[in-house]
Amino acid sequence: MSVQLANATISDEALVSIVRGAVGRVEGVRLDQPGRVSRVLPGRRGAVSWELDTRGVAFDVDVAASYGVPLRRAAADVREQVAAAVIGMTGLPVRSVDVTVTGVER
């Protein structure tokens, strides 16, 4: 899947790279691989998935957090960073960023 923008196309890899960079700016959080159940769901192959429609793009992002990091704050920071990065780099409206904390690491 790729995203068509006027005269340009954004590849899956480029969009995942934008999200990876945004998550990397959140202290104590990293992208994580989805769990066994998520991997068997249609369209779910990695830590980032998205759906594009006429209202914009909706993301599902799986992250792992360091022990002691407040999870609500971490999820809110990930949502904010991903939305800002995608809007800033692609101009696509971001409809939602759903964050699943799949693990806590010591």
Protein backbone atom coordinates (compact mmCIF):
# COMPACT_ATOMS: atom_id res chain seq x y z
CA MET A 1 0.00 0.00 0.00
CA SER A 2 1.14 3.54 -0.67
CA VAL A 3 -0.43 6.96 -0.23
CA GLN A 4 -1.03 9.19 -3.26
CA LEU A 5 -0.56 12.93 -2.69
CA ALA A 6 -1.33 15.14 -5.67
CA ASN A 7 1.75 14.49 -7.84
CA ALA A 8 3.64 12.32 -5.34
CA THR A 9 3.31 8.87 -3.83
CA ILE A 10 4.44 8.03 -0.31
CA SER A 11 5.51 4.42 0.16
CA ASP A 12 4.59 2.27 3.14
CA GLU A 13 8.21 2.29 4.21
CA ALA A 14 8.39 6.09 4.15
CA LEU A 15 5.23 6.44 6.24
CA VAL A 16 6.51 3.87 8.78
CA SER A 17 9.82 5.74 8.90
CA ILE A 18 8.01 9.00 9.70
CA VAL A 19 6.11 7.28 12.53
CA ARG A 20 9.29 5.57 13.80
CA GLY A 21 11.06 8.94 13.97
CA ALA A 22 8.12 10.53 15.79
CA VAL A 23 7.95 7.72 18.37
CA GLY A 24 11.72 7.98 18.80
CA ARG A 25 11.28 11.54 20.05
CA VAL A 26 9.18 10.34 23.00
CA GLU A 27 11.41 9.56 25.98
CA GLY A 28 11.12 6.05 27.37
CA VAL A 29 9.07 4.67 24.46
CA ARG A 30 9.94 2.61 21.38
CA LEU A 31 8.01 0.92 18.61
CA ASP A 32 7.20 -2.67 19.48
CA GLN A 33 6.12 -5.63 17.41
CA PRO A 34 2.44 -6.54 17.72
CA GLY A 35 1.52 -9.56 19.81
CA ARG A 36 0.55 -12.94 18.42
CA VAL A 37 -3.15 -12.07 18.12
CA SER A 38 -2.45 -8.80 16.29
CA ARG A 39 -0.17 -10.55 13.80
CA VAL A 40 -2.98 -12.80 12.57
CA LEU A 41 -5.47 -9.98 12.05
CA PRO A 42 -5.90 -8.82 8.45
CA GLY A 43 -3.61 -5.92 7.55
CA ARG A 44 -1.55 -6.12 10.74
CA ARG A 45 2.07 -7.03 10.00
CA GLY A 46 4.17 -4.64 12.07
CA ALA A 47 4.16 -2.08 14.85
CA VAL A 48 2.47 0.52 12.61
CA SER A 49 -0.65 0.19 10.53
CA TRP A 50 -2.92 2.81 9.01
CA GLU A 51 -6.06 3.37 7.04
CA LEU A 52 -6.61 6.25 4.64
CA ASP A 53 -10.01 7.58 3.65
CA THR A 54 -11.50 10.90 2.57
CA ARG A 55 -11.31 12.28 6.13
CA GLY A 56 -7.59 11.54 6.53
CA VAL A 57 -5.33 8.85 7.87
CA ALA A 58 -5.89 6.80 11.04
CA PHE A 59 -2.92 5.07 12.66
CA ASP A 60 -2.55 2.11 15.02
CA VAL A 61 0.83 2.16 16.74
CA ASP A 62 2.23 -0.52 19.09
CA VAL A 63 4.83 0.70 21.59
CA ALA A 64 6.81 -0.62 24.53
CA ALA A 65 7.54 1.71 27.44
CA SER A 66 10.35 1.75 29.95
CA TYR A 67 9.42 0.78 33.50
CA GLY A 68 8.35 3.85 35.47
CA VAL A 69 7.14 5.86 32.47
CA PRO A 70 3.53 7.02 33.04
CA LEU A 71 1.67 5.12 30.33
CA ARG A 72 -1.11 7.67 29.78
CA ARG A 73 1.42 10.42 29.27
CA ALA A 74 3.53 8.25 26.99
CA ALA A 75 0.52 7.36 24.81
CA ALA A 76 -0.56 11.01 24.63
CA ASP A 77 2.98 12.07 23.67
CA VAL A 78 3.13 9.39 20.96
CA ARG A 79 -0.23 10.54 19.55
CA GLU A 80 0.93 14.15 19.49
CA GLN A 81 4.34 13.42 17.93
CA VAL A 82 2.97 11.07 15.25
CA ALA A 83 0.21 13.48 14.22
CA ALA A 84 2.59 16.45 14.06
CA ALA A 85 5.22 14.54 12.06
CA VAL A 86 2.76 13.11 9.53
CA ILE A 87 0.99 16.44 9.02
CA GLY A 88 4.28 18.31 8.79
CA MET A 89 5.96 15.93 6.36
CA THR A 90 3.03 14.85 4.19
CA GLY A 91 0.28 17.41 4.65
CA LEU A 92 -2.19 14.56 5.23
CA PRO A 93 -4.87 15.24 7.82
CA VAL A 94 -4.51 12.81 10.74
CA ARG A 95 -7.89 11.50 11.85
CA SER A 96 -6.59 9.50 14.81
CA VAL A 97 -3.56 7.83 16.35
CA ASP A 98 -4.49 4.81 18.46
CA VAL A 99 -1.63 3.70 20.71
CA THR A 100 -1.37 0.24 22.28
CA VAL A 101 1.25 -0.25 24.96
CA THR A 102 2.27 -3.84 24.31
CA GLY A 103 4.94 -4.09 26.97
CA VAL A 104 6.81 -2.50 29.85
CA GLU A 105 10.57 -3.00 29.93
CA ARG A 106 12.91 -2.84 32.89
